Protein backbone atom coordinates (compact mmCIF):
# COMPACT_ATOMS: atom_id res chain seq x y z
CA MET A 1 -80.59 -24.01 43.66
CA ASP A 2 -77.65 -22.02 44.37
CA THR A 3 -78.14 -20.54 47.94
CA LEU A 4 -74.61 -19.75 48.87
CA ARG A 5 -74.58 -17.26 45.94
CA ARG A 6 -77.36 -15.27 47.58
CA GLN A 7 -75.68 -15.78 51.16
CA LEU A 8 -72.69 -13.56 49.72
CA ASP A 9 -74.95 -11.21 48.14
CA ASP A 10 -77.14 -10.61 51.81
CA TYR A 11 -73.45 -10.83 53.49
CA GLU A 12 -71.71 -7.89 51.14
CA GLN A 13 -75.10 -5.99 52.51
CA HIS A 14 -74.42 -6.18 55.99
CA LEU A 15 -71.13 -5.32 55.36
CA ALA A 16 -71.58 -1.90 53.96
CA ASN A 17 -74.75 -1.12 55.21
CA GLU A 18 -74.81 -2.21 58.61
CA ARG A 19 -70.95 -2.68 59.69
CA ARG A 20 -70.78 -0.20 57.92
CA ALA A 21 -66.75 -1.43 56.44
CA SER A 22 -64.51 0.23 54.15
CA PRO A 23 -65.41 -1.10 50.46
CA LEU A 24 -61.79 -2.22 50.58
CA THR A 25 -62.53 -4.52 53.20
CA VAL A 26 -66.05 -5.35 51.61
CA ALA A 27 -63.80 -5.90 48.60
CA THR A 28 -61.79 -7.74 50.20
CA TYR A 29 -63.41 -10.76 51.97
CA LEU A 30 -66.17 -10.81 49.06
CA ARG A 31 -63.03 -12.36 46.77
CA ASP A 32 -61.52 -14.94 49.60
CA LEU A 33 -65.44 -16.37 50.35
CA ALA A 34 -66.14 -16.21 46.47
CA ALA A 35 -62.96 -17.98 45.75
CA LEU A 36 -65.06 -20.46 48.59
CA HIS A 37 -68.00 -20.31 45.76
CA ALA A 38 -65.84 -21.33 42.80
CA TYR A 39 -64.17 -24.48 45.27
CA CYS A 40 -67.81 -25.95 45.79
CA VAL A 41 -68.76 -25.18 41.58
CA GLU A 42 -65.46 -27.22 41.08
CA HIS A 43 -66.11 -30.07 43.31
CA GLU A 44 -69.59 -30.36 42.74
CA LEU A 45 -70.59 -29.80 46.54
CA PRO A 46 -73.93 -28.00 48.22
CA LEU A 47 -73.73 -24.14 47.63
CA ASP A 48 -75.12 -23.68 50.59
CA ALA A 49 -73.31 -22.19 53.29
CA ALA A 50 -75.53 -24.96 55.94
CA ALA A 51 -74.18 -27.60 54.54
CA LEU A 52 -70.88 -27.62 54.18
CA THR A 53 -68.89 -29.34 56.74
CA THR A 54 -65.47 -28.41 58.66
CA GLY A 55 -63.12 -30.70 56.68
CA THR A 56 -65.12 -29.56 53.13
CA LEU A 57 -62.83 -25.64 55.00
CA ARG A 58 -60.16 -26.90 55.99
CA ALA A 59 -59.64 -28.88 52.52
CA PHE A 60 -60.52 -25.31 50.48
CA LEU A 61 -58.09 -23.38 53.09
CA ALA A 62 -55.68 -26.34 52.16
CA ARG A 63 -55.33 -26.30 48.40
CA SER A 64 -55.93 -21.82 49.07
CA PHE A 65 -52.63 -21.99 50.46
CA GLU A 66 -50.46 -23.11 47.61
CA GLY A 67 -48.19 -20.72 47.09
CA ARG A 68 -50.12 -18.42 49.79
CA SER A 69 -47.96 -16.08 52.36
CA SER A 70 -49.31 -17.06 55.86
CA ALA A 71 -50.74 -12.76 56.28
CA THR A 72 -53.03 -14.32 53.57
CA MET A 73 -53.94 -16.91 54.67
CA ALA A 74 -55.44 -15.99 58.56
CA ARG A 75 -56.73 -13.02 56.15
CA LYS A 76 -59.12 -15.96 54.21
CA VAL A 77 -59.56 -17.63 57.84
CA SER A 78 -60.65 -14.81 59.20
CA ALA A 79 -63.31 -14.09 56.10
CA LEU A 80 -64.55 -17.73 56.67
CA ARG A 81 -64.93 -16.78 59.68
CA ALA A 82 -66.95 -14.18 60.49
CA PHE A 83 -69.27 -14.81 57.44
CA TYR A 84 -69.81 -17.92 59.16
CA ARG A 85 -70.72 -15.70 62.57
CA TYR A 86 -72.91 -13.62 60.72
CA LEU A 87 -74.81 -16.57 59.17
CA GLU A 88 -75.28 -18.17 62.69
CA LYS A 89 -76.40 -14.79 64.02
CA ARG A 90 -79.17 -14.84 61.38
CA GLY A 91 -80.60 -18.54 62.28
CA HIS A 92 -78.83 -19.57 58.81
CA VAL A 93 -77.18 -22.57 60.29
CA ARG A 94 -77.22 -24.87 62.93
CA SER A 95 -74.03 -25.54 63.72
CA ASN A 96 -71.07 -22.94 63.07
CA PRO A 97 -68.61 -25.21 61.07
CA ALA A 98 -65.90 -22.29 60.68
CA ALA A 99 -66.00 -22.09 64.93
CA THR A 100 -62.61 -24.21 64.70
CA LEU A 101 -60.63 -23.02 61.90
CA LYS A 102 -56.86 -22.48 63.21
CA ARG A 103 -55.36 -18.67 61.93
CA PRO A 104 -51.76 -19.71 60.93
CA ARG A 105 -49.23 -17.38 63.64
CA VAL A 106 -47.77 -14.25 61.22
CA ARG A 107 -45.38 -12.48 62.75
CA LYS A 108 -45.83 -9.39 62.08
CA PRO A 109 -43.18 -6.68 61.06
CA LEU A 110 -41.92 -3.56 63.16
CA PRO A 111 -43.07 -0.59 61.77
CA GLU A 112 -41.11 1.08 58.30
CA PHE A 113 -40.65 4.80 59.72
CA VAL A 114 -37.60 7.38 58.04
CA THR A 115 -35.26 9.86 59.66
CA VAL A 116 -36.88 13.21 61.06
CA GLU A 117 -34.30 14.70 58.37
CA ASP A 118 -35.44 12.49 55.59
CA ALA A 119 -39.86 13.20 56.12
CA LEU A 120 -39.17 16.67 56.28
CA ARG A 121 -37.27 16.56 52.77
CA VAL A 122 -40.28 14.71 51.88
CA VAL A 123 -42.73 16.74 52.77
CA GLU A 124 -40.89 19.93 51.62
CA SER A 125 -39.73 18.30 47.78
CA PRO A 126 -43.30 19.83 46.58
CA THR A 127 -41.49 23.51 46.47
CA ARG A 128 -40.05 22.91 42.30
CA PRO A 129 -42.12 21.71 39.70
CA THR A 130 -42.61 17.99 38.93
CA GLU A 131 -43.20 18.87 34.99
CA SER A 132 -43.68 21.57 32.71
CA PRO A 133 -47.10 21.13 31.27
CA ALA A 134 -48.36 24.36 29.77
CA ASP A 135 -50.79 25.35 32.17
CA GLU A 136 -48.25 26.83 34.90
CA ALA A 137 -51.34 28.49 37.34
CA ARG A 138 -52.39 24.33 37.85
CA ALA A 139 -49.21 22.74 37.89
CA ALA A 140 -49.06 25.45 40.81
CA THR A 141 -51.65 24.46 42.42
CA LEU A 142 -51.06 20.76 41.71
CA GLN A 143 -47.88 21.94 44.00
CA LEU A 144 -49.43 23.34 46.57
CA ARG A 145 -51.55 20.46 46.61
CA ASP A 146 -48.94 17.76 47.64
CA ARG A 147 -46.90 20.03 49.31
CA ALA A 148 -50.76 20.00 51.46
CA LEU A 149 -50.80 16.26 51.22
CA LEU A 150 -47.52 14.90 52.33
CA GLU A 151 -47.37 17.82 55.69
CA LEU A 152 -50.75 16.20 57.21
CA LEU A 153 -50.01 13.25 56.31
CA TYR A 154 -46.28 12.76 58.09
CA SER A 155 -48.61 15.21 60.70
CA SER A 156 -51.01 13.66 61.94
CA GLY A 157 -50.85 9.89 61.00
CA ALA A 158 -53.83 9.70 59.29
CA ARG A 159 -53.93 5.90 56.80
CA VAL A 160 -54.17 7.13 53.04
CA SER A 161 -57.65 5.86 52.44
CA GLU A 162 -58.63 8.47 56.02
CA VAL A 163 -57.02 11.21 53.67
CA ALA A 164 -58.06 10.21 50.84
CA GLY A 165 -61.64 10.73 51.51
CA LEU A 166 -61.78 13.52 53.58
CA SER A 167 -63.90 16.20 52.52
CA LEU A 168 -64.01 20.46 53.01
CA GLY A 169 -66.23 19.66 55.84
CA ALA A 170 -64.16 17.74 57.83
CA LEU A 171 -61.26 20.03 58.09
CA GLU A 172 -61.05 22.26 61.24
CA LEU A 173 -58.38 24.15 60.51
CA GLY A 174 -58.61 26.63 63.49
CA GLU A 175 -58.29 24.73 66.29
CA GLY A 176 -55.51 23.02 63.97
CA ARG A 177 -57.51 19.06 63.08
CA ALA A 178 -59.70 17.37 60.99
CA ARG A 179 -62.22 14.94 61.37
CA VAL A 180 -61.18 11.63 59.29
CA LEU A 181 -63.19 7.99 58.83
CA GLY A 182 -61.41 5.84 59.92
CA LYS A 183 -62.00 1.67 60.01
CA GLY A 184 -65.78 0.69 60.82
CA ARG A 185 -66.13 3.98 59.45
CA LYS A 186 -65.41 5.63 63.29
CA GLU A 187 -64.62 9.37 62.92
CA ARG A 188 -61.92 10.60 64.84
CA LEU A 189 -60.27 13.66 65.33
CA VAL A 190 -56.50 14.51 63.95
CA PRO A 191 -54.54 17.94 65.14
CA LEU A 192 -52.43 19.16 62.25
CA GLY A 193 -48.85 21.05 62.76
CA PRO A 194 -48.81 24.42 62.34
CA GLU A 195 -47.27 23.81 58.42
CA ALA A 196 -50.13 21.17 57.79
CA VAL A 197 -52.39 24.00 58.29
CA THR A 198 -50.65 26.31 55.98
CA ALA A 199 -49.91 24.44 53.91
CA LEU A 200 -53.70 23.57 54.17
CA ARG A 201 -54.15 27.71 53.60
CA ASN A 202 -52.13 27.87 50.63
CA TYR A 203 -53.48 24.78 48.78
CA LEU A 204 -57.77 25.44 48.85
CA GLU A 205 -56.81 29.29 48.19
CA ARG A 206 -56.15 27.68 44.97
CA ARG A 207 -57.81 24.37 45.15
CA ALA A 208 -60.59 26.50 41.83
CA ASP A 209 -57.92 25.38 39.35
CA LEU A 210 -58.31 22.16 38.92
CA VAL A 211 -61.44 21.36 37.67
CA ASP A 212 -62.56 19.63 34.22
CA ARG A 213 -62.96 20.86 30.33
CA ASP A 214 -66.57 21.98 31.98
CA GLY A 215 -65.14 23.93 35.03
CA GLN A 216 -66.57 21.46 37.05
CA GLN A 217 -65.04 19.79 40.09
CA ASP A 218 -66.06 17.90 42.99
CA PRO A 219 -67.46 19.67 45.58
CA GLN A 220 -66.52 17.91 48.63
CA ALA A 221 -63.28 16.39 48.56
CA VAL A 222 -60.60 18.44 49.70
CA PHE A 223 -57.42 15.88 47.19
CA LEU A 224 -58.33 16.68 43.88
CA GLY A 225 -56.98 15.36 40.34
CA ARG A 226 -55.90 17.66 37.89
CA PHE A 227 -58.82 17.16 36.19
CA GLY A 228 -60.74 17.83 39.89
CA THR A 229 -62.13 14.78 40.91
CA ARG A 230 -61.61 13.80 44.13
CA LEU A 231 -57.67 11.50 44.65
CA GLY A 232 -57.83 7.63 45.12
CA PRO A 233 -55.69 5.82 47.49
CA ARG A 234 -53.62 4.85 45.30
CA GLN A 235 -53.40 8.24 43.08
CA VAL A 236 -51.83 9.28 46.52
CA GLN A 237 -49.63 6.44 46.81
CA ASN A 238 -48.08 7.74 43.17
CA VAL A 239 -47.67 11.38 45.11
CA VAL A 240 -45.70 9.63 48.32
CA LYS A 241 -43.58 7.89 45.93
CA ARG A 242 -42.66 10.81 43.75
CA TYR A 243 -41.88 12.69 46.91
CA GLY A 244 -39.34 10.49 48.80
CA GLU A 245 -37.59 9.40 45.15
CA ARG A 246 -37.21 13.14 45.09
CA GLY A 247 -36.35 14.30 48.65
CA ALA A 248 -35.05 10.80 50.37
CA GLY A 249 -34.42 8.80 47.43
CA ARG A 250 -36.98 6.72 48.55
CA PRO A 251 -39.06 5.77 45.86
CA ASP A 252 -41.07 3.08 47.83
CA LEU A 253 -42.32 5.31 50.51
CA HIS A 254 -45.47 4.27 51.11
CA PRO A 255 -48.60 6.70 52.73
CA HIS A 256 -48.46 4.58 56.01
CA THR A 257 -44.76 4.61 56.38
CA LEU A 258 -45.37 8.63 57.35
CA ARG A 259 -47.94 7.03 59.42
CA HIS A 260 -45.13 4.97 61.19
CA THR A 261 -43.11 8.14 60.64
CA CYS A 262 -45.77 9.83 62.72
CA ALA A 263 -46.04 8.03 65.31
CA THR A 264 -42.43 6.64 65.81
CA HIS A 265 -41.43 10.88 66.07
CA LEU A 266 -43.95 11.24 68.75
CA LEU A 267 -43.39 8.32 71.03
CA ASP A 268 -39.46 9.17 70.76
CA ALA A 269 -40.51 12.50 72.04
CA GLY A 270 -41.93 10.87 75.20
CA ALA A 271 -46.12 11.12 73.87
CA ASP A 272 -47.39 8.02 75.63
CA LEU A 273 -48.87 5.07 73.95
CA ARG A 274 -52.88 5.83 74.92
CA SER A 275 -52.09 9.16 72.79
CA ILE A 276 -50.45 7.69 70.30
CA GLN A 277 -53.78 4.57 70.07
CA GLU A 278 -56.28 7.34 69.30
CA LEU A 279 -54.36 9.16 66.96
CA LEU A 280 -53.95 6.48 65.27
CA GLY A 281 -57.25 4.97 65.57
CA HIS A 282 -55.92 2.04 66.78
CA ALA A 283 -58.61 -0.40 68.26
CA SER A 284 -55.91 -2.52 70.32
CA LEU A 285 -53.08 -0.47 72.49
CA GLY A 286 -51.09 -3.88 71.61
CA THR A 287 -51.48 -2.93 67.77
CA THR A 288 -50.14 0.65 68.83
CA GLN A 289 -46.97 -1.39 71.38
CA ARG A 290 -45.77 -2.61 68.36
CA TYR A 291 -43.65 1.06 68.38
CA THR A 292 -41.70 0.29 71.22
CA HIS A 293 -39.93 -2.21 69.73
CA VAL A 294 -38.98 0.28 67.12
CA THR A 295 -37.56 3.08 69.34
CA THR A 296 -36.01 0.27 71.82
CA ASP A 297 -33.99 -0.86 69.13
CA ARG A 298 -33.08 1.83 67.67
CA MET A 299 -32.00 3.67 71.72
CA MET A 300 -30.14 0.18 72.57
CA ALA A 301 -28.34 0.95 69.12
CA THR A 302 -27.31 4.47 70.07
CA TYR A 303 -26.48 2.88 73.29
CA GLU A 304 -23.80 0.48 71.97
CA ARG A 305 -22.06 2.86 69.13
CA ALA A 306 -22.11 5.94 71.37
CA HIS A 307 -21.60 4.73 75.31
CA PRO A 308 -17.81 4.42 76.14
CA LEU A 309 -18.88 1.14 78.47
CA ALA A 310 -20.64 -0.09 75.34
CA ARG A 311 -17.69 0.41 73.06
CA LYS A 312 -14.72 -1.24 75.91
CA THR A 313 -17.74 -4.34 76.39
CA ARG A 314 -17.63 -5.13 72.67
CA ASP A 315 -13.76 -3.93 72.46
CA LEU A 316 -13.92 -6.77 75.55
CA ARG A 317 -15.74 -9.20 73.30
CA ARG A 318 -13.82 -8.78 69.71
CA ASN A 319 -10.24 -9.26 71.32
CA GLY A 320 -10.29 -11.06 74.49
CA PRO A 321 -9.46 -9.70 77.31
CA GLU A 322 -5.95 -9.37 77.55
CA SER A 323 -2.91 -11.24 79.53
CA ASP A 324 -0.45 -10.22 81.79
CA ALA A 325 2.66 -10.25 80.61
CA GLY A 326 4.77 -9.67 84.36
CA ASP A 327 4.95 -12.30 86.38
CA HIS A 328 3.04 -12.49 90.02
């Protein structure tokens, strides 16, 4: 009897309906746990989570580690631990074999960002046609959509999934803010700058142009595709990449880079960490504190480059102290 498969199906429902995890989180965790199921089938192990030992889980992870990054392995360990915590709380296992599994240390890279000048070039770049379709009205609306999308990403620091999932009822343009649904389906308010509000108003006036052949469109989604369907995260990424290359010569630009850029520029301007934490929807202040390292590194680089004393010290280190030529 394949009890493990039933346990995984129940856990999937728990994540989606009770924990209200995002579809991406559910898919990622279930993919890692499905690999455990496949491992058990391949090695003729019991198809029941309660019958698996810590040694079995370690062997599964050791095999999975081949060619994988530490971040991937840390995620797999987290998936196993969360799954067994769920089973333990439901009384499906007497002991938790995943409790002693250790996550590998993962060095988190510092947030990547672009300069204020490049950020402005990117958000302002949809003023020129991106293509020449027969339907000029629709093309013009798509340009307005792209401008509103970029302005919102940069001004609010919202995640790509939050922007893609934004509905019309969540916009409070008169108040200069929007309600987004973040991780764990937690709602929070994000501010919209004046430029973002103007760009959104301009786009919403023309949003009706984006319909399918039958004149239908998604009635709730803020950001629509050419034929009236809600833009997905991948499509939002493609928009950012296109204008990243056009505006700043950055074809690798990602929506998350604009999120990091928003936070970094706010910190540079004197915003406090707690406010930035609330803006970004970080559960831990430690996550937000990574931005202080970015701004500190920039401050030190500027000091080394510009301060007279720093230049003098650098020259001394490079050339060594000058020796006196005269007699004493």
